[in-house]
PDB file of all heavy atoms in Angstrom:
ATOM      1  N   GLY A   1     -74.120 185.884  85.063  1.00  0.00           N
ATOM      2  CA  GLY A   1     -74.760 186.789  85.994  1.00  0.00           C
ATOM      3  C   GLY A   1     -73.850 187.660  86.826  1.00  0.00           C
ATOM      4  O   GLY A   1     -74.304 188.493  87.588  1.00  0.00           O
ATOM      5  N   GLY A   2     -72.544 187.475  86.713  1.00  0.00           N
ATOM      6  CA  GLY A   2     -71.628 188.308  87.455  1.00  0.00           C
ATOM      7  C   GLY A   2     -71.617 189.729  86.909  1.00  0.00           C
ATOM      8  O   GLY A   2     -72.200 190.032  85.885  1.00  0.00           O
ATOM      9  N   GLY A   3     -70.916 190.620  87.625  1.00  0.00           N
ATOM     10  CA  GLY A   3     -70.815 191.999  87.180  1.00  0.00           C
ATOM     11  C   GLY A   3     -70.382 192.926  88.276  1.00  0.00           C
ATOM     12  O   GLY A   3     -69.899 192.488  89.316  1.00  0.00           O
ATOM     13  N   LEU A   4     -70.557 194.206  88.025  1.00  0.00           N
ATOM     14  CA  LEU A   4     -70.179 195.257  88.972  1.00  0.00           C
ATOM     15  C   LEU A   4     -71.436 195.810  89.626  1.00  0.00           C
ATOM     16  O   LEU A   4     -72.413 196.149  88.922  1.00  0.00           O
ATOM     17  CB  LEU A   4     -69.431 196.370  88.222  1.00  0.00           C
ATOM     18  CG  LEU A   4     -69.099 197.639  89.026  1.00  0.00           C
ATOM     19  CD1 LEU A   4     -68.124 197.320  90.150  1.00  0.00           C
ATOM     20  CD2 LEU A   4     -68.543 198.705  88.100  1.00  0.00           C
ATOM     21  N   VAL A   5     -71.414 195.905  90.934  1.00  0.00           N
ATOM     22  CA  VAL A   5     -72.583 196.408  91.665  1.00  0.00           C
ATOM     23  C   VAL A   5     -72.094 197.218  92.854  1.00  0.00           C
ATOM     24  O   VAL A   5     -70.996 196.965  93.392  1.00  0.00           O
ATOM     25  CB  VAL A   5     -73.469 195.231  92.129  1.00  0.00           C
ATOM     26  CG1 VAL A   5     -72.734 194.336  93.111  1.00  0.00           C
ATOM     27  CG2 VAL A   5     -74.801 195.711  92.689  1.00  0.00           C
ATOM     28  N   GLN A   6     -72.882 198.181  93.279  1.00  0.00           N
ATOM     29  CA  GLN A   6     -72.527 198.975  94.457  1.00  0.00           C
ATOM     30  C   GLN A   6     -72.857 198.204  95.727  1.00  0.00           C
ATOM     31  O   GLN A   6     -73.749 197.342  95.734  1.00  0.00           O
ATOM     32  CB  GLN A   6     -73.289 200.288  94.443  1.00  0.00           C
ATOM     33  CG  GLN A   6     -72.811 201.278  93.392  1.00  0.00           C
ATOM     34  CD  GLN A   6     -73.465 202.637  93.537  1.00  0.00           C
ATOM     35  OE1 GLN A   6     -74.574 202.739  94.042  1.00  0.00           O
ATOM     36  NE2 GLN A   6     -72.777 203.677  93.092  1.00  0.00           N
ATOM     37  N   ALA A   7     -72.145 198.534  96.770  1.00  0.00           N
ATOM     38  CA  ALA A   7     -72.413 197.915  98.059  1.00  0.00           C
ATOM     39  C   ALA A   7     -73.876 198.121  98.442  1.00  0.00           C
ATOM     40  O   ALA A   7     -74.430 199.211  98.236  1.00  0.00           O
ATOM     41  CB  ALA A   7     -71.499 198.497  99.135  1.00  0.00           C
ATOM     42  N   GLY A   8     -74.480 197.067  98.960  1.00  0.00           N
ATOM     43  CA  GLY A   8     -75.891 197.107  99.296  1.00  0.00           C
ATOM     44  C   GLY A   8     -76.799 196.606  98.188  1.00  0.00           C
ATOM     45  O   GLY A   8     -77.991 196.368  98.424  1.00  0.00           O
ATOM     46  N   GLY A   9     -76.245 196.448  97.010  1.00  0.00           N
ATOM     47  CA  GLY A   9     -77.020 195.979  95.875  1.00  0.00           C
ATOM     48  C   GLY A   9     -77.137 194.474  95.814  1.00  0.00           C
ATOM     49  O   GLY A   9     -76.729 193.746  96.727  1.00  0.00           O
ATOM     50  N   SER A  10     -77.714 193.991  94.710  1.00  0.00           N
ATOM     51  CA  SER A  10     -77.979 192.566  94.534  1.00  0.00           C
ATOM     52  C   SER A  10     -77.491 192.079  93.186  1.00  0.00           C
ATOM     53  O   SER A  10     -77.444 192.845  92.225  1.00  0.00           O
ATOM     54  CB  SER A  10     -79.473 192.287  94.659  1.00  0.00           C
ATOM     55  OG  SER A  10     -79.993 192.640  95.913  1.00  0.00           O
ATOM     56  N   LEU A  11     -77.165 190.798  93.139  1.00  0.00           N
ATOM     57  CA  LEU A  11     -76.854 190.114  91.899  1.00  0.00           C
ATOM     58  C   LEU A  11     -77.397 188.698  91.978  1.00  0.00           C
ATOM     59  O   LEU A  11     -77.508 188.132  93.083  1.00  0.00           O
ATOM     60  CB  LEU A  11     -75.341 190.041  91.664  1.00  0.00           C
ATOM     61  CG  LEU A  11     -74.622 191.245  91.084  1.00  0.00           C
ATOM     62  CD1 LEU A  11     -73.120 190.970  91.030  1.00  0.00           C
ATOM     63  CD2 LEU A  11     -75.147 191.599  89.713  1.00  0.00           C
ATOM     64  N   ARG A  12     -77.696 188.130  90.829  1.00  0.00           N
ATOM     65  CA  ARG A  12     -78.160 186.755  90.762  1.00  0.00           C
ATOM     66  C   ARG A  12     -77.270 185.979  89.817  1.00  0.00           C
ATOM     67  O   ARG A  12     -77.205 186.297  88.623  1.00  0.00           O
ATOM     68  CB  ARG A  12     -79.610 186.707  90.281  1.00  0.00           C
ATOM     69  CG  ARG A  12     -80.238 185.325  90.280  1.00  0.00           C
ATOM     70  CD  ARG A  12     -81.695 185.422  89.819  1.00  0.00           C
ATOM     71  NE  ARG A  12     -82.363 184.147  89.776  1.00  0.00           N
ATOM     72  CZ  ARG A  12     -83.007 183.616  90.794  1.00  0.00           C
ATOM     73  NH1 ARG A  12     -83.080 184.269  91.950  1.00  0.00           N
ATOM     74  NH2 ARG A  12     -83.636 182.453  90.680  1.00  0.00           N
ATOM     75  N   LEU A  13     -76.579 184.992  90.344  1.00  0.00           N
ATOM     76  CA  LEU A  13     -75.711 184.136  89.543  1.00  0.00           C
ATOM     77  C   LEU A  13     -76.477 182.884  89.137  1.00  0.00           C
ATOM     78  O   LEU A  13     -77.242 182.337  89.923  1.00  0.00           O
ATOM     79  CB  LEU A  13     -74.470 183.733  90.316  1.00  0.00           C
ATOM     80  CG  LEU A  13     -73.619 184.872  90.891  1.00  0.00           C
ATOM     81  CD1 LEU A  13     -72.364 184.283  91.551  1.00  0.00           C
ATOM     82  CD2 LEU A  13     -73.248 185.878  89.822  1.00  0.00           C
ATOM     83  N   SER A  14     -76.215 182.428  87.926  1.00  0.00           N
ATOM     84  CA  SER A  14     -76.817 181.189  87.435  1.00  0.00           C
ATOM     85  C   SER A  14     -75.738 180.242  86.950  1.00  0.00           C
ATOM     86  O   SER A  14     -74.678 180.677  86.508  1.00  0.00           O
ATOM     87  CB  SER A  14     -77.794 181.469  86.309  1.00  0.00           C
ATOM     88  OG  SER A  14     -78.882 182.224  86.756  1.00  0.00           O
ATOM     89  N   CYS A  15     -76.044 178.960  87.024  1.00  0.00           N
ATOM     90  CA  CYS A  15     -75.131 177.924  86.552  1.00  0.00           C
ATOM     91  C   CYS A  15     -75.949 176.918  85.764  1.00  0.00           C
ATOM     92  O   CYS A  15     -76.875 176.305  86.299  1.00  0.00           O
ATOM     93  CB  CYS A  15     -74.429 177.246  87.718  1.00  0.00           C
ATOM     94  SG  CYS A  15     -73.381 175.855  87.273  1.00  0.00           S
ATOM     95  N   ALA A  16     -75.608 176.772  84.496  1.00  0.00           N
ATOM     96  CA  ALA A  16     -76.289 175.799  83.636  1.00  0.00           C
ATOM     97  C   ALA A  16     -75.435 174.544  83.535  1.00  0.00           C
ATOM     98  O   ALA A  16     -74.246 174.632  83.216  1.00  0.00           O
ATOM     99  CB  ALA A  16     -76.512 176.391  82.262  1.00  0.00           C
ATOM    100  N   ALA A  17     -76.042 173.396  83.819  1.00  0.00           N
ATOM    101  CA  ALA A  17     -75.308 172.138  83.826  1.00  0.00           C
ATOM    102  C   ALA A  17     -75.761 171.225  82.686  1.00  0.00           C
ATOM    103  O   ALA A  17     -76.936 171.212  82.327  1.00  0.00           O
ATOM    104  CB  ALA A  17     -75.513 171.434  85.160  1.00  0.00           C
ATOM    105  N   SER A  18     -74.830 170.465  82.174  1.00  0.00           N
ATOM    106  CA  SER A  18     -75.152 169.487  81.134  1.00  0.00           C
ATOM    107  C   SER A  18     -74.196 168.312  81.243  1.00  0.00           C
ATOM    108  O   SER A  18     -73.133 168.411  81.849  1.00  0.00           O
ATOM    109  CB  SER A  18     -75.047 170.111  79.743  1.00  0.00           C
ATOM    110  OG  SER A  18     -73.732 170.566  79.503  1.00  0.00           O
ATOM    111  N   GLY A  19     -74.607 167.183  80.690  1.00  0.00           N
ATOM    112  CA  GLY A  19     -73.718 166.034  80.591  1.00  0.00           C
ATOM    113  C   GLY A  19     -73.888 164.974  81.637  1.00  0.00           C
ATOM    114  O   GLY A  19     -73.235 163.950  81.578  1.00  0.00           O
ATOM    115  N   ARG A  20     -74.741 165.164  82.630  1.00  0.00           N
ATOM    116  CA  ARG A  20     -74.920 164.151  83.670  1.00  0.00           C
ATOM    117  C   ARG A  20     -76.314 164.349  84.267  1.00  0.00           C
ATOM    118  O   ARG A  20     -76.897 165.422  84.122  1.00  0.00           O
ATOM    119  CB  ARG A  20     -73.861 164.302  84.747  1.00  0.00           C
ATOM    120  CG  ARG A  20     -73.798 163.184  85.749  1.00  0.00           C
ATOM    121  CD  ARG A  20     -72.608 163.338  86.693  1.00  0.00           C
ATOM    122  NE  ARG A  20     -72.762 164.466  87.599  1.00  0.00           N
ATOM    123  CZ  ARG A  20     -71.924 164.727  88.610  1.00  0.00           C
ATOM    124  NH1 ARG A  20     -70.892 163.923  88.834  1.00  0.00           N
ATOM    125  NH2 ARG A  20     -72.105 165.755  89.396  1.00  0.00           N
ATOM    126  N   ALA A  21     -76.789 163.329  84.994  1.00  0.00           N
ATOM    127  CA  ALA A  21     -78.072 163.445  85.671  1.00  0.00           C
ATOM    128  C   ALA A  21     -77.971 164.484  86.772  1.00  0.00           C
ATOM    129  O   ALA A  21     -77.595 164.205  87.909  1.00  0.00           O
ATOM    130  CB  ALA A  21     -78.481 162.095  86.257  1.00  0.00           C
ATOM    131  N   PHE A  22     -78.340 165.706  86.449  1.00  0.00           N
ATOM    132  CA  PHE A  22     -78.152 166.856  87.329  1.00  0.00           C
ATOM    133  C   PHE A  22     -78.791 166.651  88.679  1.00  0.00           C
ATOM    134  O   PHE A  22     -78.220 167.001  89.712  1.00  0.00           O
ATOM    135  CB  PHE A  22     -78.716 168.086  86.629  1.00  0.00           C
ATOM    136  CG  PHE A  22     -78.664 169.340  87.453  1.00  0.00           C
ATOM    137  CD1 PHE A  22     -77.489 170.074  87.556  1.00  0.00           C
ATOM    138  CD2 PHE A  22     -79.794 169.814  88.114  1.00  0.00           C
ATOM    139  CE1 PHE A  22     -77.433 171.234  88.318  1.00  0.00           C
ATOM    140  CE2 PHE A  22     -79.748 170.964  88.867  1.00  0.00           C
ATOM    141  CZ  PHE A  22     -78.563 171.680  88.969  1.00  0.00           C
ATOM    142  N   SER A  23     -79.984 166.098  88.690  1.00  0.00           N
ATOM    143  CA  SER A  23     -80.763 166.017  89.920  1.00  0.00           C
ATOM    144  C   SER A  23     -80.238 165.013  90.918  1.00  0.00           C
ATOM    145  O   SER A  23     -80.745 164.937  92.027  1.00  0.00           O
ATOM    146  CB  SER A  23     -82.213 165.666  89.574  1.00  0.00           C
ATOM    147  OG  SER A  23     -82.287 164.385  88.993  1.00  0.00           O
ATOM    148  N   THR A  24     -79.233 164.245  90.581  1.00  0.00           N
ATOM    149  CA  THR A  24     -78.755 163.203  91.481  1.00  0.00           C
ATOM    150  C   THR A  24     -77.476 163.584  92.225  1.00  0.00           C
ATOM    151  O   THR A  24     -76.929 162.768  92.972  1.00  0.00           O
ATOM    152  CB  THR A  24     -78.509 161.894  90.714  1.00  0.00           C
ATOM    153  OG1 THR A  24     -77.503 162.118  89.733  1.00  0.00           O
ATOM    154  CG2 THR A  24     -79.782 161.401  90.048  1.00  0.00           C
ATOM    155  N   TYR A  25     -76.980 164.817  92.051  1.00  0.00           N
ATOM    156  CA  TYR A  25     -75.730 165.236  92.683  1.00  0.00           C
ATOM    157  C   TYR A  25     -75.893 166.554  93.420  1.00  0.00           C
ATOM    158  O   TYR A  25     -76.663 167.417  93.005  1.00  0.00           O
ATOM    159  CB  TYR A  25     -74.630 165.385  91.625  1.00  0.00           C
ATOM    160  CG  TYR A  25     -74.206 164.078  91.021  1.00  0.00           C
ATOM    161  CD1 TYR A  25     -74.921 163.498  89.991  1.00  0.00           C
ATOM    162  CD2 TYR A  25     -73.080 163.401  91.490  1.00  0.00           C
ATOM    163  CE1 TYR A  25     -74.546 162.278  89.443  1.00  0.00           C
ATOM    164  CE2 TYR A  25     -72.693 162.197  90.948  1.00  0.00           C
ATOM    165  CZ  TYR A  25     -73.436 161.640  89.925  1.00  0.00           C
ATOM    166  OH  TYR A  25     -73.050 160.448  89.397  1.00  0.00           O
ATOM    167  N   PRO A  26     -75.136 166.716  94.505  1.00  0.00           N
ATOM    168  CA  PRO A  26     -75.159 168.011  95.182  1.00  0.00           C
ATOM    169  C   PRO A  26     -74.453 169.076  94.340  1.00  0.00           C
ATOM    170  O   PRO A  26     -73.626 168.762  93.484  1.00  0.00           O
ATOM    171  CB  PRO A  26     -74.373 167.745  96.480  1.00  0.00           C
ATOM    172  CG  PRO A  26     -73.433 166.641  96.115  1.00  0.00           C
ATOM    173  CD  PRO A  26     -74.197 165.787  95.146  1.00  0.00           C
ATOM    174  N   MET A  27     -74.798 170.342  94.624  1.00  0.00           N
ATOM    175  CA  MET A  27     -74.196 171.457  93.915  1.00  0.00           C
ATOM    176  C   MET A  27     -73.754 172.492  94.935  1.00  0.00           C
ATOM    177  O   MET A  27     -74.221 172.504  96.074  1.00  0.00           O
ATOM    178  CB  MET A  27     -75.199 172.099  92.956  1.00  0.00           C
ATOM    179  CG  MET A  27     -75.731 171.185  91.865  1.00  0.00           C
ATOM    180  SD  MET A  27     -74.463 170.761  90.628  1.00  0.00           S
ATOM    181  CE  MET A  27     -74.185 172.379  89.885  1.00  0.00           C
ATOM    182  N   ALA A  28     -72.850 173.376  94.516  1.00  0.00           N
ATOM    183  CA  ALA A  28     -72.358 174.380  95.436  1.00  0.00           C
ATOM    184  C   ALA A  28     -71.820 175.586  94.681  1.00  0.00           C
ATOM    185  O   ALA A  28     -71.625 175.540  93.459  1.00  0.00           O
ATOM    186  CB  ALA A  28     -71.245 173.798  96.315  1.00  0.00           C
ATOM    187  N   TRP A  29     -71.586 176.647  95.451  1.00  0.00           N
ATOM    188  CA  TRP A  29     -70.878 177.826  94.955  1.00  0.00           C
ATOM    189  C   TRP A  29     -69.663 178.076  95.864  1.00  0.00           C
ATOM    190  O   TRP A  29     -69.764 177.963  97.086  1.00  0.00           O
ATOM    191  CB  TRP A  29     -71.776 179.073  95.005  1.00  0.00           C
ATOM    192  CG  TRP A  29     -72.854 179.062  93.977  1.00  0.00           C
ATOM    193  CD1 TRP A  29     -74.141 178.617  94.143  1.00  0.00           C
ATOM    194  CD2 TRP A  29     -72.773 179.527  92.634  1.00  0.00           C
ATOM    195  NE1 TRP A  29     -74.845 178.758  92.990  1.00  0.00           N
ATOM    196  CE2 TRP A  29     -74.031 179.331  92.037  1.00  0.00           C
ATOM    197  CE3 TRP A  29     -71.751 180.089  91.869  1.00  0.00           C
ATOM    198  CZ2 TRP A  29     -74.291 179.679  90.716  1.00  0.00           C
ATOM    199  CZ3 TRP A  29     -72.013 180.432  90.560  1.00  0.00           C
ATOM    200  CH2 TRP A  29     -73.268 180.236  89.995  1.00  0.00           C
ATOM    201  N   PHE A  30     -68.544 178.375  95.235  1.00  0.00           N
ATOM    202  CA  PHE A  30     -67.335 178.785  95.920  1.00  0.00           C
ATOM    203  C   PHE A  30     -66.909 180.120  95.334  1.00  0.00           C
ATOM    204  O   PHE A  30     -67.376 180.514  94.258  1.00  0.00           O
ATOM    205  CB  PHE A  30     -66.219 177.748  95.714  1.00  0.00           C
ATOM    206  CG  PHE A  30     -66.439 176.463  96.464  1.00  0.00           C
ATOM    207  CD1 PHE A  30     -67.324 175.497  95.977  1.00  0.00           C
ATOM    208  CD2 PHE A  30     -65.780 176.194  97.663  1.00  0.00           C
ATOM    209  CE1 PHE A  30     -67.549 174.305  96.663  1.00  0.00           C
ATOM    210  CE2 PHE A  30     -65.976 174.996  98.349  1.00  0.00           C
ATOM    211  CZ  PHE A  30     -66.869 174.068  97.853  1.00  0.00           C
ATOM    212  N   ARG A  31     -66.018 180.802  96.021  1.00  0.00           N
ATOM    213  CA  ARG A  31     -65.495 182.061  95.486  1.00  0.00           C
ATOM    214  C   ARG A  31     -64.034 182.205  95.849  1.00  0.00           C
ATOM    215  O   ARG A  31     -63.539 181.605  96.809  1.00  0.00           O
ATOM    216  CB  ARG A  31     -66.293 183.247  96.021  1.00  0.00           C
ATOM    217  CG  ARG A  31     -66.128 183.509  97.499  1.00  0.00           C
ATOM    218  CD  ARG A  31     -67.079 184.619  97.966  1.00  0.00           C
ATOM    219  NE  ARG A  31     -66.937 184.889  99.395  1.00  0.00           N
ATOM    220  CZ  ARG A  31     -67.735 185.700 100.080  1.00  0.00           C
ATOM    221  NH1 ARG A  31     -68.764 186.309  99.459  1.00  0.00           N
ATOM    222  NH2 ARG A  31     -67.539 185.895 101.363  1.00  0.00           N
ATOM    223  N   GLN A  32     -63.352 183.037  95.062  1.00  0.00           N
ATOM    224  CA  GLN A  32     -61.938 183.293  95.307  1.00  0.00           C
ATOM    225  C   GLN A  32     -61.665 184.763  95.120  1.00  0.00           C
ATOM    226  O   GLN A  32     -61.855 185.288  94.004  1.00  0.00           O
ATOM    227  CB  GLN A  32     -61.054 182.457  94.388  1.00  0.00           C
ATOM    228  CG  GLN A  32     -59.590 182.558  94.713  1.00  0.00           C
ATOM    229  CD  GLN A  32     -58.764 181.499  94.013  1.00  0.00           C
ATOM    230  OE1 GLN A  32     -59.188 180.935  92.996  1.00  0.00           O
ATOM    231  NE2 GLN A  32     -57.598 181.205  94.529  1.00  0.00           N
ATOM    232  N   ALA A  33     -61.231 185.412  96.193  1.00  0.00           N
ATOM    233  CA  ALA A  33     -60.851 186.811  96.139  1.00  0.00           C
ATOM    234  C   ALA A  33     -59.396 186.925  95.735  1.00  0.00           C
ATOM    235  O   ALA A  33     -58.611 185.966  95.933  1.00  0.00           O
ATOM    236  CB  ALA A  33     -61.086 187.466  97.491  1.00  0.00           C
ATOM    237  N   PRO A  34     -58.994 188.060  95.194  1.00  0.00           N
ATOM    238  CA  PRO A  34     -57.588 188.228  94.786  1.00  0.00           C
ATOM    239  C   PRO A  34     -56.625 187.971  95.940  1.00  0.00           C
ATOM    240  O   PRO A  34     -56.798 188.516  97.044  1.00  0.00           O
ATOM    241  CB  PRO A  34     -57.535 189.686  94.328  1.00  0.00           C
ATOM    242  CG  PRO A  34     -58.933 190.005  93.938  1.00  0.00           C
ATOM    243  CD  PRO A  34     -59.810 189.231  94.868  1.00  0.00           C
ATOM    244  N   GLY A  35     -55.641 187.122  95.702  1.00  0.00           N
ATOM    245  CA  GLY A  35     -54.646 186.841  96.710  1.00  0.00           C
ATOM    246  C   GLY A  35     -55.082 185.920  97.821  1.00  0.00           C
ATOM    247  O   GLY A  35     -54.339 185.708  98.793  1.00  0.00           O
ATOM    248  N   LYS A  36     -56.277 185.360  97.707  1.00  0.00           N
ATOM    249  CA  LYS A  36     -56.792 184.482  98.758  1.00  0.00           C
ATOM    250  C   LYS A  36     -57.137 183.110  98.198  1.00  0.00           C
ATOM    251  O   LYS A  36     -57.287 182.933  96.997  1.00  0.00           O
ATOM    252  CB  LYS A  36     -58.017 185.106  99.412  1.00  0.00           C
ATOM    253  CG  LYS A  36     -57.754 186.405 100.168  1.00  0.00           C
ATOM    254  CD  LYS A  36     -58.985 186.871 100.917  1.00  0.00           C
ATOM    255  CE  LYS A  36     -58.691 188.118 101.710  1.00  0.00           C
ATOM    256  NZ  LYS A  36     -59.887 188.586 102.484  1.00  0.00           N
ATOM    257  N   ASP A  37     -57.271 182.157  99.103  1.00  0.00           N
ATOM    258  CA  ASP A  37     -57.658 180.809  98.701  1.00  0.00           C
ATOM    259  C   ASP A  37     -59.152 180.783  98.341  1.00  0.00           C
ATOM    260  O   ASP A  37     -59.940 181.632  98.803  1.00  0.00           O
ATOM    261  CB  ASP A  37     -57.412 179.817  99.820  1.00  0.00           C
ATOM    262  CG  ASP A  37     -55.935 179.625 100.118  1.00  0.00           C
ATOM    263  OD1 ASP A  37     -55.126 179.838  99.188  1.00  0.00           O
ATOM    264  OD2 ASP A  37     -55.617 179.245 101.258  1.00  0.00           O
ATOM    265  N   ARG A  38     -59.530 179.796  97.551  1.00  0.00           N
ATOM    266  CA  ARG A  38     -60.930 179.594  97.234  1.00  0.00           C
ATOM    267  C   ARG A  38     -61.667 179.198  98.507  1.00  0.00           C
ATOM    268  O   ARG A  38     -61.160 178.395  99.314  1.00  0.00           O
ATOM    269  CB  ARG A  38     -61.062 178.507  96.180  1.00  0.00           C
ATOM    270  CG  ARG A  38     -62.469 178.291  95.668  1.00  0.00           C
ATOM    271  CD  ARG A  38     -62.451 177.459  94.392  1.00  0.00           C
ATOM    272  NE  ARG A  38     -61.821 176.181  94.576  1.00  0.00           N
ATOM    273  CZ  ARG A  38     -61.480 175.357  93.584  1.00  0.00           C
ATOM    274  NH1 ARG A  38     -61.739 175.704  92.338  1.00  0.00           N
ATOM    275  NH2 ARG A  38     -60.925 174.188  93.842  1.00  0.00           N
ATOM    276  N   GLU A  39     -62.868 179.751  98.684  1.00  0.00           N
ATOM    277  CA  GLU A  39     -63.619 179.461  99.896  1.00  0.00           C
ATOM    278  C   GLU A  39     -65.055 179.080  99.566  1.00  0.00           C
ATOM    279  O   GLU A  39     -65.621 179.470  98.545  1.00  0.00           O
ATOM    280  CB  GLU A  39     -63.623 180.678 100.831  1.00  0.00           C
ATOM    281  CG  GLU A  39     -64.345 181.891 100.299  1.00  0.00           C
ATOM    282  CD  GLU A  39     -64.442 183.022 101.322  1.00  0.00           C
ATOM    283  OE1 GLU A  39     -63.959 182.862 102.458  1.00  0.00           O
ATOM    284  OE2 GLU A  39     -65.027 184.063 100.960  1.00  0.00           O
ATOM    285  N   PHE A  40     -65.631 178.294 100.467  1.00  0.00           N
ATOM    286  CA  PHE A  40     -66.993 177.834 100.331  1.00  0.00           C
ATOM    287  C   PHE A  40     -67.961 178.994 100.535  1.00  0.00           C
ATOM    288  O   PHE A  40     -67.761 179.839 101.418  1.00  0.00           O
ATOM    289  CB  PHE A  40     -67.258 176.758 101.393  1.00  0.00           C
ATOM    290  CG  PHE A  40     -68.698 176.392 101.579  1.00  0.00           C
ATOM    291  CD1 PHE A  40     -69.347 175.617 100.631  1.00  0.00           C
ATOM    292  CD2 PHE A  40     -69.399 176.827 102.697  1.00  0.00           C
ATOM    293  CE1 PHE A  40     -70.669 175.268 100.813  1.00  0.00           C
ATOM    294  CE2 PHE A  40     -70.718 176.483 102.878  1.00  0.00           C
ATOM    295  CZ  PHE A  40     -71.355 175.711 101.938  1.00  0.00           C
ATOM    296  N   VAL A  41     -69.025 179.013  99.735  1.00  0.00           N
ATOM    297  CA  VAL A  41     -70.081 180.020  99.875  1.00  0.00           C
ATOM    298  C   VAL A  41     -71.412 179.366 100.280  1.00  0.00           C
ATOM    299  O   VAL A  41     -72.002 179.723 101.287  1.00  0.00           O
ATOM    300  CB  VAL A  41     -70.263 180.815  98.570  1.00  0.00           C
ATOM    301  CG1 VAL A  41     -71.450 181.777  98.696  1.00  0.00           C
ATOM    302  CG2 VAL A  41     -68.980 181.562  98.206  1.00  0.00           C
TER     303      VAL A  41
END
């Protein structure tokens, strides 16, 4: 779901999980900008 968008626009990211009981664990999104540390979203 990533891509290029103009400021003010919208995007929808998806994450498909497999291999474990998905519903029993917390999930999260993080991001990393160029030259910066990964940060919580």
